[in-house]
């Protein structure tokens, strides 16, 4: 079995928000799909989702989606990743939903 490297909270938030951004094109977002794509246990995913709601990055009314603040987080997060890549620095790779088309 392949060991998965640990991700920091910023990376996990980025992965979740990125998946939610791409999933909103579908009719309904299913949390188990998000869980499988992020490779985060369901109980922890619920905790992260609650944190993202408290931070104002996502909303669940009328359906689960990113807020403007959440979209801004993704843009800024991508800017940081691009900068690190230009400088030759490595960051933990994760979900390959980047580059984002939010600009």
C-alpha atoms as a PDB file:
ATOM      1  CA  UNK A   1       0.000   0.000   0.000  1.00  0.00           C
ATOM      2  CA  UNK A   2       1.249   3.473  -0.911  1.00  0.00           C
ATOM      3  CA  UNK A   3       1.766   5.874   1.965  1.00  0.00           C
ATOM      4  CA  UNK A   4       0.159   9.278   1.453  1.00  0.00           C
ATOM      5  CA  UNK A   5       2.064  12.316   2.660  1.00  0.00           C
ATOM      6  CA  UNK A   6       0.370  14.478   5.267  1.00  0.00           C
ATOM      7  CA  UNK A   7      -1.090  17.751   4.070  1.00  0.00           C
ATOM      8  CA  UNK A   8      -1.360  20.957   6.024  1.00  0.00           C
ATOM      9  CA  UNK A   9      -4.703  22.684   6.573  1.00  0.00           C
ATOM     10  CA  UNK A  10      -4.071  25.221   3.807  1.00  0.00           C
ATOM     11  CA  UNK A  11      -3.552  22.409   1.294  1.00  0.00           C
ATOM     12  CA  UNK A  12      -6.609  20.492   2.473  1.00  0.00           C
ATOM     13  CA  UNK A  13      -8.750  23.635   2.276  1.00  0.00           C
ATOM     14  CA  UNK A  14      -7.396  24.287  -1.211  1.00  0.00           C
ATOM     15  CA  UNK A  15      -8.180  20.714  -2.298  1.00  0.00           C
ATOM     16  CA  UNK A  16     -11.722  20.828  -0.903  1.00  0.00           C
ATOM     17  CA  UNK A  17     -12.496  24.238  -2.374  1.00  0.00           C
ATOM     18  CA  UNK A  18     -11.040  23.251  -5.722  1.00  0.00           C
ATOM     19  CA  UNK A  19     -13.201  20.144  -5.871  1.00  0.00           C
ATOM     20  CA  UNK A  20     -16.300  22.067  -4.791  1.00  0.00           C
ATOM     21  CA  UNK A  21     -15.608  24.657  -7.482  1.00  0.00           C
ATOM     22  CA  UNK A  22     -15.472  21.974 -10.166  1.00  0.00           C
ATOM     23  CA  UNK A  23     -18.370  19.998  -8.714  1.00  0.00           C
ATOM     24  CA  UNK A  24     -20.743  23.000  -8.751  1.00  0.00           C
ATOM     25  CA  UNK A  25     -21.074  22.525 -12.495  1.00  0.00           C
ATOM     26  CA  UNK A  26     -22.981  19.355 -11.678  1.00  0.00           C
ATOM     27  CA  UNK A  27     -26.567  19.255 -10.535  1.00  0.00           C
ATOM     28  CA  UNK A  28     -25.846  18.323  -6.918  1.00  0.00           C
ATOM     29  CA  UNK A  29     -22.666  18.004  -4.866  1.00  0.00           C
ATOM     30  CA  UNK A  30     -22.362  14.692  -3.034  1.00  0.00           C
ATOM     31  CA  UNK A  31     -20.060  14.848  -0.014  1.00  0.00           C
ATOM     32  CA  UNK A  32     -18.938  11.246  -0.415  1.00  0.00           C
ATOM     33  CA  UNK A  33     -17.575  12.187  -3.875  1.00  0.00           C
ATOM     34  CA  UNK A  34     -15.700  15.100  -2.306  1.00  0.00           C
ATOM     35  CA  UNK A  35     -14.442  12.773   0.418  1.00  0.00           C
ATOM     36  CA  UNK A  36     -13.113  10.249  -2.079  1.00  0.00           C
ATOM     37  CA  UNK A  37     -11.428  12.900  -4.220  1.00  0.00           C
ATOM     38  CA  UNK A  38      -9.769  14.587  -1.233  1.00  0.00           C
ATOM     39  CA  UNK A  39      -8.861  11.307   0.452  1.00  0.00           C
ATOM     40  CA  UNK A  40     -10.055  12.630   3.819  1.00  0.00           C
ATOM     41  CA  UNK A  41     -12.132  10.510   6.237  1.00  0.00           C
ATOM     42  CA  UNK A  42     -15.789  11.541   6.224  1.00  0.00           C
ATOM     43  CA  UNK A  43     -15.836  12.714   9.866  1.00  0.00           C
ATOM     44  CA  UNK A  44     -12.824  14.967   9.252  1.00  0.00           C
ATOM     45  CA  UNK A  45     -14.312  16.238   6.001  1.00  0.00           C
ATOM     46  CA  UNK A  46     -17.442  17.323   7.884  1.00  0.00           C
ATOM     47  CA  UNK A  47     -15.215  19.152  10.379  1.00  0.00           C
ATOM     48  CA  UNK A  48     -13.330  20.904   7.577  1.00  0.00           C
ATOM     49  CA  UNK A  49     -16.616  21.812   5.874  1.00  0.00           C
ATOM     50  CA  UNK A  50     -17.865  23.373   9.132  1.00  0.00           C
ATOM     51  CA  UNK A  51     -14.615  25.356   9.408  1.00  0.00           C
ATOM     52  CA  UNK A  52     -14.926  26.546   5.803  1.00  0.00           C
ATOM     53  CA  UNK A  53     -18.503  27.683   6.503  1.00  0.00           C
ATOM     54  CA  UNK A  54     -17.396  29.559   9.642  1.00  0.00           C
ATOM     55  CA  UNK A  55     -14.651  31.255   7.612  1.00  0.00           C
ATOM     56  CA  UNK A  56     -17.210  32.294   5.000  1.00  0.00           C
ATOM     57  CA  UNK A  57     -15.515  30.346   2.201  1.00  0.00           C
ATOM     58  CA  UNK A  58     -18.517  28.126   1.430  1.00  0.00           C
ATOM     59  CA  UNK A  59     -22.256  28.244   1.929  1.00  0.00           C
ATOM     60  CA  UNK A  60     -24.827  25.480   1.934  1.00  0.00           C
ATOM     61  CA  UNK A  61     -27.986  27.455   1.225  1.00  0.00           C
ATOM     62  CA  UNK A  62     -29.701  26.930  -1.188  1.00  0.00           C
ATOM     63  CA  UNK A  63     -27.021  24.400  -2.210  1.00  0.00           C
ATOM     64  CA  UNK A  64     -23.392  23.765  -1.324  1.00  0.00           C
ATOM     65  CA  UNK A  65     -21.148  26.221  -3.177  1.00  0.00           C
ATOM     66  CA  UNK A  66     -18.169  28.538  -2.874  1.00  0.00           C
ATOM     67  CA  UNK A  67     -18.714  32.102  -1.783  1.00  0.00           C
ATOM     68  CA  UNK A  68     -16.904  35.036  -3.409  1.00  0.00           C
ATOM     69  CA  UNK A  69     -14.454  34.819  -0.511  1.00  0.00           C
ATOM     70  CA  UNK A  70     -13.905  31.114  -1.267  1.00  0.00           C
ATOM     71  CA  UNK A  71     -13.213  31.895  -4.913  1.00  0.00           C
ATOM     72  CA  UNK A  72     -10.758  34.583  -3.818  1.00  0.00           C
ATOM     73  CA  UNK A  73      -9.018  32.031  -1.549  1.00  0.00           C
ATOM     74  CA  UNK A  74      -8.567  29.726  -4.537  1.00  0.00           C
ATOM     75  CA  UNK A  75      -7.142  32.529  -6.715  1.00  0.00           C
ATOM     76  CA  UNK A  76      -4.687  33.596  -4.003  1.00  0.00           C
ATOM     77  CA  UNK A  77      -3.784  29.986  -3.205  1.00  0.00           C
ATOM     78  CA  UNK A  78      -3.018  29.392  -6.893  1.00  0.00           C
ATOM     79  CA  UNK A  79      -0.890  32.558  -6.954  1.00  0.00           C
ATOM     80  CA  UNK A  80       1.179  31.211  -4.045  1.00  0.00           C
ATOM     81  CA  UNK A  81       1.593  27.815  -5.739  1.00  0.00           C
ATOM     82  CA  UNK A  82       2.628  29.487  -9.017  1.00  0.00           C
ATOM     83  CA  UNK A  83       5.162  31.649  -7.182  1.00  0.00           C
ATOM     84  CA  UNK A  84       6.653  28.639  -5.403  1.00  0.00           C
ATOM     85  CA  UNK A  85       6.949  26.785  -8.695  1.00  0.00           C
ATOM     86  CA  UNK A  86       8.693  29.766 -10.368  1.00  0.00           C
ATOM     87  CA  UNK A  87      11.149  29.918  -7.461  1.00  0.00           C
ATOM     88  CA  UNK A  88      11.903  26.217  -7.782  1.00  0.00           C
ATOM     89  CA  UNK A  89      10.291  25.379  -4.456  1.00  0.00           C
ATOM     90  CA  UNK A  90       8.280  22.218  -4.070  1.00  0.00           C
ATOM     91  CA  UNK A  91       4.936  22.102  -2.347  1.00  0.00           C
ATOM     92  CA  UNK A  92       3.067  18.946  -1.493  1.00  0.00           C
ATOM     93  CA  UNK A  93       1.214  17.842  -4.577  1.00  0.00           C
ATOM     94  CA  UNK A  94      -2.397  16.894  -4.157  1.00  0.00           C
ATOM     95  CA  UNK A  95      -5.496  17.198  -6.219  1.00  0.00           C
ATOM     96  CA  UNK A  96      -4.615  18.185  -9.769  1.00  0.00           C
ATOM     97  CA  UNK A  97      -7.415  20.670 -10.334  1.00  0.00           C
ATOM     98  CA  UNK A  98      -4.966  23.502 -10.883  1.00  0.00           C
ATOM     99  CA  UNK A  99      -4.538  25.825 -12.680  1.00  0.00           C
ATOM    100  CA  UNK A 100      -7.901  27.261 -11.782  1.00  0.00           C
ATOM    101  CA  UNK A 101      -9.955  29.173 -14.272  1.00  0.00           C
ATOM    102  CA  UNK A 102     -11.237  31.768 -11.810  1.00  0.00           C
ATOM    103  CA  UNK A 103      -9.234  34.712 -13.070  1.00  0.00           C
END
